[in-house]
């Protein structure tokens, strides 16, 4: 299972490509979807290197990336795939639960949080 940090702008392209690759190569998809943990460090490193920040400029951009990718993954999942929704965001969890119920994927999608953390 691979972890993907959705505060990174490139995840809008990386995750859909990963889903597509799993379908074309016929392998079991395993994704741990993470909103983000190293935003400040990524921004500082980019500033030191004189490059554009790889991090979304707003929390809304991060939320849109996370929720959009989560929905795409759930809608694309097969009975062999697995998704771990690592989120403290209530809206995200409600969206995920609704999609999981619609697709009948309760055994293929799990939820987790770190105690004491929030958006």
Protein backbone atom coordinates (compact mmCIF):
# COMPACT_ATOMS: atom_id res chain seq x y z
CA UNK A 1 0.00 0.00 0.00
CA UNK A 2 1.36 3.39 -1.00
CA UNK A 3 0.69 6.63 0.89
CA UNK A 4 -0.16 9.81 -1.00
CA UNK A 5 0.04 13.30 0.55
CA UNK A 6 -2.85 15.29 -0.95
CA UNK A 7 -1.53 18.70 0.08
CA UNK A 8 0.87 18.31 -2.86
CA UNK A 9 -0.39 19.88 -6.09
CA UNK A 10 0.95 17.02 -8.21
CA UNK A 11 -1.43 14.53 -6.57
CA UNK A 12 -4.23 15.76 -8.84
CA UNK A 13 -2.34 13.94 -11.62
CA UNK A 14 -0.42 11.22 -9.75
CA UNK A 15 -3.35 9.44 -8.11
CA UNK A 16 -5.52 9.17 -11.26
CA UNK A 17 -2.46 7.80 -13.10
CA UNK A 18 -1.91 5.25 -10.32
CA UNK A 19 -5.55 4.12 -10.58
CA UNK A 20 -5.26 3.83 -14.36
CA UNK A 21 -1.97 1.94 -14.12
CA UNK A 22 -3.50 -0.59 -11.72
CA UNK A 23 -6.33 -1.20 -14.18
CA UNK A 24 -4.06 -1.58 -17.21
CA UNK A 25 -1.45 -3.71 -15.45
CA UNK A 26 -4.12 -5.67 -13.57
CA UNK A 27 -2.63 -5.28 -10.10
CA UNK A 28 -4.40 -4.76 -6.80
CA UNK A 29 -4.56 -1.08 -5.93
CA UNK A 30 -3.67 -0.17 -2.35
CA UNK A 31 -3.75 3.49 -1.36
CA UNK A 32 -3.40 5.30 1.95
CA UNK A 33 -4.81 8.75 1.29
CA UNK A 34 -3.29 11.40 3.55
CA UNK A 35 -4.32 15.06 3.63
CA UNK A 36 -0.83 16.22 4.56
CA UNK A 37 1.82 16.28 7.23
CA UNK A 38 4.85 18.17 5.98
CA UNK A 39 3.39 21.33 4.44
CA UNK A 40 5.62 23.79 6.30
CA UNK A 41 8.78 21.82 5.56
CA UNK A 42 7.88 21.52 1.86
CA UNK A 43 7.25 25.27 1.60
CA UNK A 44 10.49 26.13 3.41
CA UNK A 45 12.53 23.79 1.21
CA UNK A 46 11.01 25.26 -1.95
CA UNK A 47 11.76 28.79 -0.73
CA UNK A 48 15.37 27.84 0.04
CA UNK A 49 15.76 26.33 -3.42
CA UNK A 50 14.03 29.25 -5.14
CA UNK A 51 11.36 27.03 -6.63
CA UNK A 52 7.58 27.15 -6.61
CA UNK A 53 5.97 25.57 -3.57
CA UNK A 54 4.64 22.09 -4.34
CA UNK A 55 1.91 22.63 -1.71
CA UNK A 56 -1.57 24.01 -2.40
CA UNK A 57 -1.81 27.67 -1.44
CA UNK A 58 -5.07 27.19 0.48
CA UNK A 59 -6.65 24.54 2.67
CA UNK A 60 -9.58 24.55 0.23
CA UNK A 61 -7.21 23.44 -2.55
CA UNK A 62 -5.98 20.61 -0.35
CA UNK A 63 -9.55 19.60 0.56
CA UNK A 64 -10.57 19.61 -3.11
CA UNK A 65 -7.57 17.45 -4.04
CA UNK A 66 -8.19 15.00 -1.21
CA UNK A 67 -11.94 14.67 -1.71
CA UNK A 68 -11.70 14.54 -5.50
CA UNK A 69 -9.05 11.84 -5.45
CA UNK A 70 -10.89 9.90 -2.76
CA UNK A 71 -14.08 9.91 -4.83
CA UNK A 72 -12.17 8.89 -7.97
CA UNK A 73 -10.49 6.00 -6.16
CA UNK A 74 -13.73 4.71 -4.61
CA UNK A 75 -15.61 4.99 -7.90
CA UNK A 76 -12.82 3.10 -9.69
CA UNK A 77 -12.22 0.35 -7.11
CA UNK A 78 -12.59 -3.34 -7.83
CA UNK A 79 -13.19 -6.14 -5.32
CA UNK A 80 -9.38 -6.58 -5.07
CA UNK A 81 -8.48 -2.96 -4.28
CA UNK A 82 -8.05 -1.34 -0.87
CA UNK A 83 -8.28 2.26 0.35
CA UNK A 84 -7.27 3.66 3.72
CA UNK A 85 -8.88 7.07 4.32
CA UNK A 86 -6.56 8.82 6.77
CA UNK A 87 -8.57 11.90 7.68
CA UNK A 88 -9.90 13.90 10.62
CA UNK A 89 -12.19 15.90 8.38
CA UNK A 90 -15.86 15.14 9.06
CA UNK A 91 -17.04 16.23 5.59
CA UNK A 92 -14.48 13.94 3.97
CA UNK A 93 -15.51 10.97 6.10
CA UNK A 94 -19.20 11.55 5.35
CA UNK A 95 -18.52 11.76 1.60
CA UNK A 96 -16.44 8.58 1.78
CA UNK A 97 -19.06 6.66 3.77
CA UNK A 98 -21.78 7.64 1.31
CA UNK A 99 -19.69 6.53 -1.69
CA UNK A 100 -18.65 3.32 0.04
CA UNK A 101 -22.28 2.49 0.84
CA UNK A 102 -23.33 3.21 -2.76
CA UNK A 103 -20.63 0.90 -4.13
CA UNK A 104 -20.89 -1.80 -1.44
CA UNK A 105 -17.20 -1.53 -0.53
CA UNK A 106 -17.34 -1.62 3.28
CA UNK A 107 -14.78 -4.42 3.40
CA UNK A 108 -12.39 -2.61 1.05
CA UNK A 109 -12.27 0.87 2.62
CA UNK A 110 -10.98 1.67 6.12
CA UNK A 111 -10.77 4.88 8.12
CA UNK A 112 -8.11 6.06 10.56
CA UNK A 113 -7.00 9.12 12.51
CA UNK A 114 -4.11 10.10 14.73
CA UNK A 115 -5.32 10.88 18.21
CA UNK A 116 -5.18 14.60 19.00
CA UNK A 117 -4.85 15.74 15.38
CA UNK A 118 -7.29 17.72 13.26
CA UNK A 119 -7.38 19.80 10.08
